[in-house]
Amino acid sequence: MFQNDPQAVIVRYQVREGSESEFQNICAEGWQTYLRLGLIREIPHLLLRGKDESGKPFFLELVPWKDRAVTGNPPPEVQQLWRRLEAVCEARPGHRGIEIPDFQILLNS
């Protein structure tokens, strides 16, 4: 299905105040879905919480895709999870609701 071109992304989520708990539940469900579908490498799930310049919450999540093709053509179940994540996030000055810079894995030990 995929080409085996590993990709790691660190996703920044601008979570609406009051939606943090729902967001964390969706992330946990998403991680289990990615594992079950064999889309990510099995490493500990890393989810970090911070506050932006205005004091509003944002989260960072490391997602170690087994293949970068997943993000361009995700399974329907993953697309549905991503829509749910978008629904609990919001754009803020200087940031979209969800931002996903691309990284290439250089070391994996």
PDB file of N, CA and C in Angstrom:
ATOM      1  N   MET A   1       0.822  -1.202   0.000  1.00  0.00           N
ATOM      2  CA  MET A   1       0.000   0.000   0.000  1.00  0.00           C
ATOM      3  C   MET A   1       0.863   1.261   0.000  1.00  0.00           C
ATOM      4  N   PHE A   2       1.892   1.318   0.891  1.00  0.00           N
ATOM      5  CA  PHE A   2       2.731   2.503   0.970  1.00  0.00           C
ATOM      6  C   PHE A   2       4.170   2.138   0.596  1.00  0.00           C
ATOM      7  N   GLN A   3       4.974   3.157   0.328  1.00  0.00           N
ATOM      8  CA  GLN A   3       6.292   2.980  -0.254  1.00  0.00           C
ATOM      9  C   GLN A   3       7.438   2.765   0.737  1.00  0.00           C
ATOM     10  N   ASN A   4       7.239   2.885   2.025  1.00  0.00           N
ATOM     11  CA  ASN A   4       8.286   2.771   3.031  1.00  0.00           C
ATOM     12  C   ASN A   4       9.277   3.930   2.945  1.00  0.00           C
ATOM     13  N   ASP A   5       8.767   5.139   2.961  1.00  0.00           N
ATOM     14  CA  ASP A   5       9.548   6.375   2.994  1.00  0.00           C
ATOM     15  C   ASP A   5       9.196   7.059   4.314  1.00  0.00           C
ATOM     16  N   PRO A   6       9.907   6.727   5.419  1.00  0.00           N
ATOM     17  CA  PRO A   6       9.520   7.220   6.735  1.00  0.00           C
ATOM     18  C   PRO A   6       9.453   8.738   6.817  1.00  0.00           C
ATOM     19  N   GLN A   7       8.564   9.206   7.641  1.00  0.00           N
ATOM     20  CA  GLN A   7       8.374  10.634   7.857  1.00  0.00           C
ATOM     21  C   GLN A   7       7.980  10.838   9.313  1.00  0.00           C
ATOM     22  N   ALA A   8       8.581  11.819   9.940  1.00  0.00           N
ATOM     23  CA  ALA A   8       8.150  12.202  11.284  1.00  0.00           C
ATOM     24  C   ALA A   8       7.584  13.608  11.194  1.00  0.00           C
ATOM     25  N   VAL A   9       6.428  13.805  11.776  1.00  0.00           N
ATOM     26  CA  VAL A   9       5.855  15.144  11.829  1.00  0.00           C
ATOM     27  C   VAL A   9       5.626  15.521  13.283  1.00  0.00           C
ATOM     28  N   ILE A  10       5.808  16.780  13.561  1.00  0.00           N
ATOM     29  CA  ILE A  10       5.459  17.332  14.860  1.00  0.00           C
ATOM     30  C   ILE A  10       4.295  18.271  14.592  1.00  0.00           C
ATOM     31  N   VAL A  11       3.123  17.830  15.004  1.00  0.00           N
ATOM     32  CA  VAL A  11       1.894  18.560  14.708  1.00  0.00           C
ATOM     33  C   VAL A  11       1.631  19.556  15.835  1.00  0.00           C
ATOM     34  N   ARG A  12       1.325  20.796  15.462  1.00  0.00           N
ATOM     35  CA  ARG A  12       0.950  21.814  16.436  1.00  0.00           C
ATOM     36  C   ARG A  12      -0.549  22.043  16.324  1.00  0.00           C
ATOM     37  N   TYR A  13      -1.244  21.842  17.437  1.00  0.00           N
ATOM     38  CA  TYR A  13      -2.689  22.003  17.497  1.00  0.00           C
ATOM     39  C   TYR A  13      -3.023  23.222  18.349  1.00  0.00           C
ATOM     40  N   GLN A  14      -3.757  24.167  17.797  1.00  0.00           N
ATOM     41  CA  GLN A  14      -4.252  25.328  18.524  1.00  0.00           C
ATOM     42  C   GLN A  14      -5.644  24.938  19.057  1.00  0.00           C
ATOM     43  N   VAL A  15      -5.686  24.352  20.235  1.00  0.00           N
ATOM     44  CA  VAL A  15      -6.924  23.788  20.761  1.00  0.00           C
ATOM     45  C   VAL A  15      -7.762  24.878  21.420  1.00  0.00           C
ATOM     46  N   ARG A  16      -9.046  24.874  21.086  1.00  0.00           N
ATOM     47  CA  ARG A  16      -9.971  25.838  21.699  1.00  0.00           C
ATOM     48  C   ARG A  16     -10.009  25.626  23.208  1.00  0.00           C
ATOM     49  N   GLU A  17     -10.039  26.728  23.942  1.00  0.00           N
ATOM     50  CA  GLU A  17     -10.180  26.619  25.391  1.00  0.00           C
ATOM     51  C   GLU A  17     -11.459  25.860  25.709  1.00  0.00           C
ATOM     52  N   GLY A  18     -11.364  24.948  26.665  1.00  0.00           N
ATOM     53  CA  GLY A  18     -12.503  24.131  27.036  1.00  0.00           C
ATOM     54  C   GLY A  18     -12.611  22.839  26.246  1.00  0.00           C
ATOM     55  N   SER A  19     -11.784  22.674  25.205  1.00  0.00           N
ATOM     56  CA  SER A  19     -11.827  21.467  24.374  1.00  0.00           C
ATOM     57  C   SER A  19     -10.619  20.561  24.599  1.00  0.00           C
ATOM     58  N   GLU A  20      -9.800  20.897  25.599  1.00  0.00           N
ATOM     59  CA  GLU A  20      -8.556  20.146  25.813  1.00  0.00           C
ATOM     60  C   GLU A  20      -8.805  18.661  26.088  1.00  0.00           C
ATOM     61  N   SER A  21      -9.774  18.352  26.927  1.00  0.00           N
ATOM     62  CA  SER A  21     -10.042  16.963  27.275  1.00  0.00           C
ATOM     63  C   SER A  21     -10.522  16.175  26.061  1.00  0.00           C
ATOM     64  N   GLU A  22     -11.447  16.740  25.303  1.00  0.00           N
ATOM     65  CA  GLU A  22     -11.932  16.089  24.090  1.00  0.00           C
ATOM     66  C   GLU A  22     -10.790  15.887  23.096  1.00  0.00           C
ATOM     67  N   PHE A  23      -9.949  16.903  22.955  1.00  0.00           N
ATOM     68  CA  PHE A  23      -8.793  16.819  22.064  1.00  0.00           C
ATOM     69  C   PHE A  23      -7.887  15.654  22.469  1.00  0.00           C
ATOM     70  N   GLN A  24      -7.564  15.561  23.755  1.00  0.00           N
ATOM     71  CA  GLN A  24      -6.671  14.504  24.227  1.00  0.00           C
ATOM     72  C   GLN A  24      -7.278  13.123  23.988  1.00  0.00           C
ATOM     73  N   ASN A  25      -8.592  12.997  24.148  1.00  0.00           N
ATOM     74  CA  ASN A  25      -9.257  11.720  23.872  1.00  0.00           C
ATOM     75  C   ASN A  25      -9.159  11.363  22.391  1.00  0.00           C
ATOM     76  N   ILE A  26      -9.337  12.350  21.513  1.00  0.00           N
ATOM     77  CA  ILE A  26      -9.236  12.098  20.071  1.00  0.00           C
ATOM     78  C   ILE A  26      -7.811  11.689  19.713  1.00  0.00           C
ATOM     79  N   CYS A  27      -6.814  12.362  20.300  1.00  0.00           N
ATOM     80  CA  CYS A  27      -5.413  12.014  20.022  1.00  0.00           C
ATOM     81  C   CYS A  27      -5.106  10.586  20.455  1.00  0.00           C
ATOM     82  N   ALA A  28      -5.580  10.194  21.634  1.00  0.00           N
ATOM     83  CA  ALA A  28      -5.340   8.833  22.126  1.00  0.00           C
ATOM     84  C   ALA A  28      -6.004   7.812  21.206  1.00  0.00           C
ATOM     85  N   GLU A  29      -7.225   8.094  20.781  1.00  0.00           N
ATOM     86  CA  GLU A  29      -7.934   7.208  19.859  1.00  0.00           C
ATOM     87  C   GLU A  29      -7.205   7.143  18.515  1.00  0.00           C
ATOM     88  N   GLY A  30      -6.735   8.296  18.055  1.00  0.00           N
ATOM     89  CA  GLY A  30      -5.995   8.340  16.789  1.00  0.00           C
ATOM     90  C   GLY A  30      -4.737   7.503  16.844  1.00  0.00           C
ATOM     91  N   TRP A  31      -3.991   7.614  17.949  1.00  0.00           N
ATOM     92  CA  TRP A  31      -2.742   6.855  18.087  1.00  0.00           C
ATOM     93  C   TRP A  31      -3.026   5.353  18.002  1.00  0.00           C
ATOM     94  N   GLN A  32      -4.053   4.906  18.705  1.00  0.00           N
ATOM     95  CA  GLN A  32      -4.407   3.486  18.668  1.00  0.00           C
ATOM     96  C   GLN A  32      -4.855   3.063  17.267  1.00  0.00           C
ATOM     97  N   THR A  33      -5.553   3.941  16.576  1.00  0.00           N
ATOM     98  CA  THR A  33      -5.981   3.654  15.201  1.00  0.00           C
ATOM     99  C   THR A  33      -4.780   3.545  14.286  1.00  0.00           C
ATOM    100  N   TYR A  34      -3.828   4.486  14.386  1.00  0.00           N
ATOM    101  CA  TYR A  34      -2.629   4.442  13.541  1.00  0.00           C
ATOM    102  C   TYR A  34      -1.859   3.141  13.775  1.00  0.00           C
ATOM    103  N   LEU A  35      -1.728   2.739  15.062  1.00  0.00           N
ATOM    104  CA  LEU A  35      -1.027   1.489  15.382  1.00  0.00           C
ATOM    105  C   LEU A  35      -1.767   0.290  14.799  1.00  0.00           C
ATOM    106  N   ARG A  36      -3.069   0.231  15.013  1.00  0.00           N
ATOM    107  CA  ARG A  36      -3.874  -0.898  14.538  1.00  0.00           C
ATOM    108  C   ARG A  36      -3.794  -1.046  13.018  1.00  0.00           C
ATOM    109  N   LEU A  37      -3.753   0.088  12.312  1.00  0.00           N
ATOM    110  CA  LEU A  37      -3.685   0.061  10.847  1.00  0.00           C
ATOM    111  C   LEU A  37      -2.255  -0.082  10.322  1.00  0.00           C
ATOM    112  N   GLY A  38      -1.272  -0.100  11.240  1.00  0.00           N
ATOM    113  CA  GLY A  38       0.126  -0.260  10.836  1.00  0.00           C
ATOM    114  C   GLY A  38       0.702   0.954  10.134  1.00  0.00           C
ATOM    115  N   LEU A  39       0.222   2.148  10.473  1.00  0.00           N
ATOM    116  CA  LEU A  39       0.647   3.367   9.789  1.00  0.00           C
ATOM    117  C   LEU A  39       1.831   4.070  10.440  1.00  0.00           C
ATOM    118  N   ILE A  40       2.083   3.784  11.727  1.00  0.00           N
ATOM    119  CA  ILE A  40       3.168   4.458  12.445  1.00  0.00           C
ATOM    120  C   ILE A  40       4.122   3.425  13.027  1.00  0.00           C
ATOM    121  N   ARG A  41       5.325   3.910  13.341  1.00  0.00           N
ATOM    122  CA  ARG A  41       6.291   3.071  14.041  1.00  0.00           C
ATOM    123  C   ARG A  41       5.917   3.047  15.518  1.00  0.00           C
ATOM    124  N   GLU A  42       6.127   1.918  16.148  1.00  0.00           N
ATOM    125  CA  GLU A  42       5.749   1.753  17.550  1.00  0.00           C
ATOM    126  C   GLU A  42       6.804   2.371  18.461  1.00  0.00           C
ATOM    127  N   ILE A  43       6.561   3.605  18.831  1.00  0.00           N
ATOM    128  CA  ILE A  43       7.390   4.305  19.806  1.00  0.00           C
ATOM    129  C   ILE A  43       6.423   4.906  20.824  1.00  0.00           C
ATOM    130  N   PRO A  44       6.916   5.336  21.969  1.00  0.00           N
ATOM    131  CA  PRO A  44       5.996   5.959  22.935  1.00  0.00           C
ATOM    132  C   PRO A  44       5.288   7.170  22.329  1.00  0.00           C
ATOM    133  N   HIS A  45       4.011   7.314  22.659  1.00  0.00           N
ATOM    134  CA  HIS A  45       3.214   8.444  22.177  1.00  0.00           C
ATOM    135  C   HIS A  45       3.650   9.692  22.925  1.00  0.00           C
ATOM    136  N   LEU A  46       4.086  10.697  22.196  1.00  0.00           N
ATOM    137  CA  LEU A  46       4.549  11.949  22.790  1.00  0.00           C
ATOM    138  C   LEU A  46       3.567  13.059  22.456  1.00  0.00           C
ATOM    139  N   LEU A  47       2.905  13.593  23.491  1.00  0.00           N
ATOM    140  CA  LEU A  47       1.969  14.705  23.356  1.00  0.00           C
ATOM    141  C   LEU A  47       2.343  15.736  24.412  1.00  0.00           C
ATOM    142  N   LEU A  48       2.655  16.943  23.972  1.00  0.00           N
ATOM    143  CA  LEU A  48       3.091  18.012  24.873  1.00  0.00           C
ATOM    144  C   LEU A  48       2.069  19.132  24.883  1.00  0.00           C
ATOM    145  N   ARG A  49       1.910  19.783  26.032  1.00  0.00           N
ATOM    146  CA  ARG A  49       0.975  20.900  26.169  1.00  0.00           C
ATOM    147  C   ARG A  49       1.751  22.154  26.523  1.00  0.00           C
ATOM    148  N   GLY A  50       1.374  23.268  25.915  1.00  0.00           N
ATOM    149  CA  GLY A  50       1.984  24.554  26.211  1.00  0.00           C
ATOM    150  C   GLY A  50       0.933  25.648  26.148  1.00  0.00           C
ATOM    151  N   LYS A  51       1.364  26.879  26.360  1.00  0.00           N
ATOM    152  CA  LYS A  51       0.479  28.033  26.229  1.00  0.00           C
ATOM    153  C   LYS A  51       1.130  29.006  25.257  1.00  0.00           C
ATOM    154  N   ASP A  52       0.304  29.584  24.383  1.00  0.00           N
ATOM    155  CA  ASP A  52       0.838  30.541  23.421  1.00  0.00           C
ATOM    156  C   ASP A  52       1.007  31.908  24.081  1.00  0.00           C
ATOM    157  N   GLU A  53       1.363  32.901  23.282  1.00  0.00           N
ATOM    158  CA  GLU A  53       1.648  34.246  23.798  1.00  0.00           C
ATOM    159  C   GLU A  53       0.470  34.857  24.543  1.00  0.00           C
ATOM    160  N   SER A  54      -0.745  34.455  24.183  1.00  0.00           N
ATOM    161  CA  SER A  54      -1.936  35.012  24.823  1.00  0.00           C
ATOM    162  C   SER A  54      -2.423  34.154  25.995  1.00  0.00           C
ATOM    163  N   GLY A  55      -1.697  33.061  26.287  1.00  0.00           N
ATOM    164  CA  GLY A  55      -2.080  32.187  27.393  1.00  0.00           C
ATOM    165  C   GLY A  55      -3.026  31.068  27.007  1.00  0.00           C
ATOM    166  N   LYS A  56      -3.363  30.961  25.715  1.00  0.00           N
ATOM    167  CA  LYS A  56      -4.261  29.897  25.260  1.00  0.00           C
ATOM    168  C   LYS A  56      -3.471  28.611  25.027  1.00  0.00           C
ATOM    169  N   PRO A  57      -4.126  27.456  25.214  1.00  0.00           N
ATOM    170  CA  PRO A  57      -3.415  26.184  25.098  1.00  0.00           C
ATOM    171  C   PRO A  57      -3.094  25.802  23.652  1.00  0.00           C
ATOM    172  N   PHE A  58      -1.937  25.173  23.499  1.00  0.00           N
ATOM    173  CA  PHE A  58      -1.615  24.488  22.254  1.00  0.00           C
ATOM    174  C   PHE A  58      -0.912  23.194  22.629  1.00  0.00           C
ATOM    175  N   PHE A  59      -0.937  22.253  21.706  1.00  0.00           N
ATOM    176  CA  PHE A  59      -0.327  20.952  21.934  1.00  0.00           C
ATOM    177  C   PHE A  59       0.608  20.633  20.779  1.00  0.00           C
ATOM    178  N   LEU A  60       1.653  19.857  21.060  1.00  0.00           N
ATOM    179  CA  LEU A  60       2.547  19.322  20.045  1.00  0.00           C
ATOM    180  C   LEU A  60       2.493  17.805  20.142  1.00  0.00           C
ATOM    181  N   GLU A  61       2.406  17.143  18.993  1.00  0.00           N
ATOM    182  CA  GLU A  61       2.365  15.681  18.967  1.00  0.00           C
ATOM    183  C   GLU A  61       3.370  15.183  17.931  1.00  0.00           C
ATOM    184  N   LEU A  62       4.202  14.229  18.331  1.00  0.00           N
ATOM    185  CA  LEU A  62       5.134  13.592  17.412  1.00  0.00           C
ATOM    186  C   LEU A  62       4.440  12.382  16.790  1.00  0.00           C
ATOM    187  N   VAL A  63       4.361  12.373  15.455  1.00  0.00           N
ATOM    188  CA  VAL A  63       3.728  11.263  14.745  1.00  0.00           C
ATOM    189  C   VAL A  63       4.771  10.656  13.800  1.00  0.00           C
ATOM    190  N   PRO A  64       5.230   9.436  14.094  1.00  0.00           N
ATOM    191  CA  PRO A  64       6.274   8.781  13.289  1.00  0.00           C
ATOM    192  C   PRO A  64       5.686   7.881  12.200  1.00  0.00           C
ATOM    193  N   TRP A  65       5.222   8.476  11.114  1.00  0.00           N
ATOM    194  CA  TRP A  65       4.621   7.701  10.026  1.00  0.00           C
ATOM    195  C   TRP A  65       5.637   6.713   9.463  1.00  0.00           C
ATOM    196  N   LYS A  66       5.164   5.510   9.152  1.00  0.00           N
ATOM    197  CA  LYS A  66       6.025   4.531   8.486  1.00  0.00           C
ATOM    198  C   LYS A  66       6.321   4.958   7.058  1.00  0.00           C
ATOM    199  N   ASP A  67       5.380   5.707   6.478  1.00  0.00           N
ATOM    200  CA  ASP A  67       5.553   6.165   5.102  1.00  0.00           C
ATOM    201  C   ASP A  67       4.850   7.503   4.914  1.00  0.00           C
ATOM    202  N   ARG A  68       5.518   8.448   4.308  1.00  0.00           N
ATOM    203  CA  ARG A  68       4.948   9.787   4.105  1.00  0.00           C
ATOM    204  C   ARG A  68       3.728   9.771   3.198  1.00  0.00           C
ATOM    205  N   ALA A  69       3.526   8.708   2.427  1.00  0.00           N
ATOM    206  CA  ALA A  69       2.361   8.623   1.551  1.00  0.00           C
ATOM    207  C   ALA A  69       1.055   8.581   2.342  1.00  0.00           C
ATOM    208  N   VAL A  70       1.120   8.191   3.615  1.00  0.00           N
ATOM    209  CA  VAL A  70      -0.086   8.129   4.449  1.00  0.00           C
ATOM    210  C   VAL A  70      -0.756   9.491   4.518  1.00  0.00           C
ATOM    211  N   THR A  71       0.022  10.550   4.682  1.00  0.00           N
ATOM    212  CA  THR A  71      -0.565  11.875   4.871  1.00  0.00           C
ATOM    213  C   THR A  71      -1.228  12.398   3.606  1.00  0.00           C
ATOM    214  N   GLY A  72      -0.789  11.958   2.441  1.00  0.00           N
ATOM    215  CA  GLY A  72      -1.397  12.401   1.196  1.00  0.00           C
ATOM    216  C   GLY A  72      -2.620  11.592   0.803  1.00  0.00           C
ATOM    217  N   ASN A  73      -2.734  10.388   1.332  1.00  0.00           N
ATOM    218  CA  ASN A  73      -3.838   9.510   0.971  1.00  0.00           C
ATOM    219  C   ASN A  73      -4.237   8.665   2.187  1.00  0.00           C
ATOM    220  N   PRO A  74      -4.723   9.310   3.252  1.00  0.00           N
ATOM    221  CA  PRO A  74      -5.044   8.561   4.469  1.00  0.00           C
ATOM    222  C   PRO A  74      -6.293   7.701   4.304  1.00  0.00           C
ATOM    223  N   PRO A  75      -6.351   6.582   5.034  1.00  0.00           N
ATOM    224  CA  PRO A  75      -7.563   5.756   5.015  1.00  0.00           C
ATOM    225  C   PRO A  75      -8.757   6.564   5.528  1.00  0.00           C
ATOM    226  N   PRO A  76      -9.968   6.203   5.124  1.00  0.00           N
ATOM    227  CA  PRO A  76     -11.165   6.938   5.547  1.00  0.00           C
ATOM    228  C   PRO A  76     -11.285   7.089   7.074  1.00  0.00           C
ATOM    229  N   GLU A  77     -10.911   6.060   7.817  1.00  0.00           N
ATOM    230  CA  GLU A  77     -10.985   6.119   9.280  1.00  0.00           C
ATOM    231  C   GLU A  77     -10.080   7.223   9.837  1.00  0.00           C
ATOM    232  N   VAL A  78      -8.915   7.396   9.229  1.00  0.00           N
ATOM    233  CA  VAL A  78      -7.975   8.434   9.649  1.00  0.00           C
ATOM    234  C   VAL A  78      -8.507   9.807   9.227  1.00  0.00           C
ATOM    235  N   GLN A  79      -9.066   9.909   8.042  1.00  0.00           N
ATOM    236  CA  GLN A  79      -9.649  11.177   7.605  1.00  0.00           C
ATOM    237  C   GLN A  79     -10.719  11.642   8.582  1.00  0.00           C
ATOM    238  N   GLN A  80     -11.532  10.719   9.066  1.00  0.00           N
ATOM    239  CA  GLN A  80     -12.583  11.062  10.029  1.00  0.00           C
ATOM    240  C   GLN A  80     -11.974  11.573  11.345  1.00  0.00           C
ATOM    241  N   LEU A  81     -10.915  10.926  11.816  1.00  0.00           N
ATOM    242  CA  LEU A  81     -10.234  11.392  13.029  1.00  0.00           C
ATOM    243  C   LEU A  81      -9.686  12.803  12.832  1.00  0.00           C
ATOM    244  N   TRP A  82      -9.090  13.055  11.672  1.00  0.00           N
ATOM    245  CA  TRP A  82      -8.520  14.371  11.412  1.00  0.00           C
ATOM    246  C   TRP A  82      -9.606  15.448  11.372  1.00  0.00           C
ATOM    247  N   ARG A  83     -10.786  15.123  10.848  1.00  0.00           N
ATOM    248  CA  ARG A  83     -11.894  16.094  10.862  1.00  0.00           C
ATOM    249  C   ARG A  83     -12.311  16.414  12.297  1.00  0.00           C
ATOM    250  N   ARG A  84     -12.318  15.402  13.148  1.00  0.00           N
ATOM    251  CA  ARG A  84     -12.660  15.630  14.561  1.00  0.00           C
ATOM    252  C   ARG A  84     -11.612  16.510  15.242  1.00  0.00           C
ATOM    253  N   LEU A  85     -10.346  16.302  14.915  1.00  0.00           N
ATOM    254  CA  LEU A  85      -9.293  17.157  15.476  1.00  0.00           C
ATOM    255  C   LEU A  85      -9.467  18.598  15.005  1.00  0.00           C
ATOM    256  N   GLU A  86      -9.743  18.793  13.732  1.00  0.00           N
ATOM    257  CA  GLU A  86      -9.956  20.143  13.197  1.00  0.00           C
ATOM    258  C   GLU A  86     -11.097  20.845  13.910  1.00  0.00           C
ATOM    259  N   ALA A  87     -12.126  20.098  14.299  1.00  0.00           N
ATOM    260  CA  ALA A  87     -13.301  20.690  14.940  1.00  0.00           C
ATOM    261  C   ALA A  87     -13.010  21.241  16.332  1.00  0.00           C
ATOM    262  N   VAL A  88     -11.959  20.752  16.998  1.00  0.00           N
ATOM    263  CA  VAL A  88     -11.643  21.245  18.349  1.00  0.00           C
ATOM    264  C   VAL A  88     -10.478  22.243  18.336  1.00  0.00           C
ATOM    265  N   CYS A  89     -10.012  22.583  17.139  1.00  0.00           N
ATOM    266  CA  CYS A  89      -8.908  23.541  17.010  1.00  0.00           C
ATOM    267  C   CYS A  89      -9.406  24.835  16.384  1.00  0.00           C
ATOM    268  N   GLU A  90      -8.596  25.892  16.536  1.00  0.00           N
ATOM    269  CA  GLU A  90      -8.970  27.194  15.991  1.00  0.00           C
ATOM    270  C   GLU A  90      -7.739  27.916  15.457  1.00  0.00           C
ATOM    271  N   ALA A  91      -7.938  28.709  14.430  1.00  0.00           N
ATOM    272  CA  ALA A  91      -6.866  29.560  13.928  1.00  0.00           C
ATOM    273  C   ALA A  91      -6.648  30.692  14.921  1.00  0.00           C
ATOM    274  N   ARG A  92      -5.399  31.106  15.047  1.00  0.00           N
ATOM    275  CA  ARG A  92      -5.040  32.232  15.909  1.00  0.00           C
ATOM    276  C   ARG A  92      -4.064  33.110  15.147  1.00  0.00           C
ATOM    277  N   PRO A  93      -3.901  34.353  15.575  1.00  0.00           N
ATOM    278  CA  PRO A  93      -2.967  35.221  14.854  1.00  0.00           C
ATOM    279  C   PRO A  93      -1.601  34.552  14.666  1.00  0.00           C
ATOM    280  N   GLY A  94      -1.202  34.429  13.415  1.00  0.00           N
ATOM    281  CA  GLY A  94       0.090  33.833  13.092  1.00  0.00           C
ATOM    282  C   GLY A  94       0.088  32.320  13.011  1.00  0.00           C
ATOM    283  N   HIS A  95      -1.037  31.677  13.284  1.00  0.00           N
ATOM    284  CA  HIS A  95      -1.097  30.213  13.277  1.00  0.00           C
ATOM    285  C   HIS A  95      -2.433  29.719  12.724  1.00  0.00           C
ATOM    286  N   ARG A  96      -2.365  28.655  11.927  1.00  0.00           N
ATOM    287  CA  ARG A  96      -3.581  27.945  11.544  1.00  0.00           C
ATOM    288  C   ARG A  96      -4.009  27.067  12.712  1.00  0.00           C
ATOM    289  N   GLY A  97      -5.196  26.496  12.658  1.00  0.00           N
ATOM    290  CA  GLY A  97      -5.681  25.638  13.734  1.00  0.00           C
ATOM    291  C   GLY A  97      -4.793  24.423  13.950  1.00  0.00           C
ATOM    292  N   ILE A  98      -4.335  23.823  12.855  1.00  0.00           N
ATOM    293  CA  ILE A  98      -3.421  22.684  12.902  1.00  0.00           C
ATOM    294  C   ILE A  98      -2.292  22.970  11.920  1.00  0.00           C
ATOM    295  N   GLU A  99      -1.061  22.863  12.402  1.00  0.00           N
ATOM    296  CA  GLU A  99       0.113  23.093  11.559  1.00  0.00           C
ATOM    297  C   GLU A  99       0.987  21.845  11.583  1.00  0.00           C
ATOM    298  N   ILE A 100       1.486  21.457  10.399  1.00  0.00           N
ATOM    299  CA  ILE A 100       2.259  20.216  10.294  1.00  0.00           C
ATOM    300  C   ILE A 100       3.527  20.453   9.465  1.00  0.00           C
ATOM    301  N   PRO A 101       4.598  20.898  10.101  1.00  0.00           N
ATOM    302  CA  PRO A 101       5.854  20.995   9.355  1.00  0.00           C
ATOM    303  C   PRO A 101       6.399  19.602   9.063  1.00  0.00           C
ATOM    304  N   ASP A 102       7.091  19.463   7.974  1.00  0.00           N
ATOM    305  CA  ASP A 102       7.629  18.176   7.532  1.00  0.00           C
ATOM    306  C   ASP A 102       9.071  18.019   8.005  1.00  0.00           C
ATOM    307  N   PHE A 103       9.395  16.852   8.567  1.00  0.00           N
ATOM    308  CA  PHE A 103      10.751  16.533   8.990  1.00  0.00           C
ATOM    309  C   PHE A 103      11.167  15.214   8.366  1.00  0.00           C
ATOM    310  N   GLN A 104      12.438  15.073   8.075  1.00  0.00           N
ATOM    311  CA  GLN A 104      12.986  13.802   7.630  1.00  0.00           C
ATOM    312  C   GLN A 104      13.700  13.157   8.800  1.00  0.00           C
ATOM    313  N   ILE A 105      13.511  11.852   8.999  1.00  0.00           N
ATOM    314  CA  ILE A 105      14.164  11.139  10.100  1.00  0.00           C
ATOM    315  C   ILE A 105      15.622  10.911   9.727  1.00  0.00           C
ATOM    316  N   LEU A 106      16.533  11.396  10.580  1.00  0.00           N
ATOM    317  CA  LEU A 106      17.969  11.205  10.333  1.00  0.00           C
ATOM    318  C   LEU A 106      18.541  10.095  11.197  1.00  0.00           C
ATOM    319  N   LEU A 107      18.139  10.015  12.440  1.00  0.00           N
ATOM    320  CA  LEU A 107      18.587   8.969  13.348  1.00  0.00           C
ATOM    321  C   LEU A 107      17.371   8.306  13.959  1.00  0.00           C
ATOM    322  N   ASN A 108      17.416   7.011  14.081  1.00  0.00           N
ATOM    323  CA  ASN A 108      16.322   6.269  14.693  1.00  0.00           C
ATOM    324  C   ASN A 108      16.941   5.143  15.501  1.00  0.00           C
ATOM    325  N   SER A 109      17.097   5.372  16.809  1.00  0.00           N
ATOM    326  CA  SER A 109      17.714   4.333  17.627  1.00  0.00           C
ATOM    327  C   SER A 109      16.797   3.862  18.713  1.00  0.00           C
TER     328      SER A 109
END
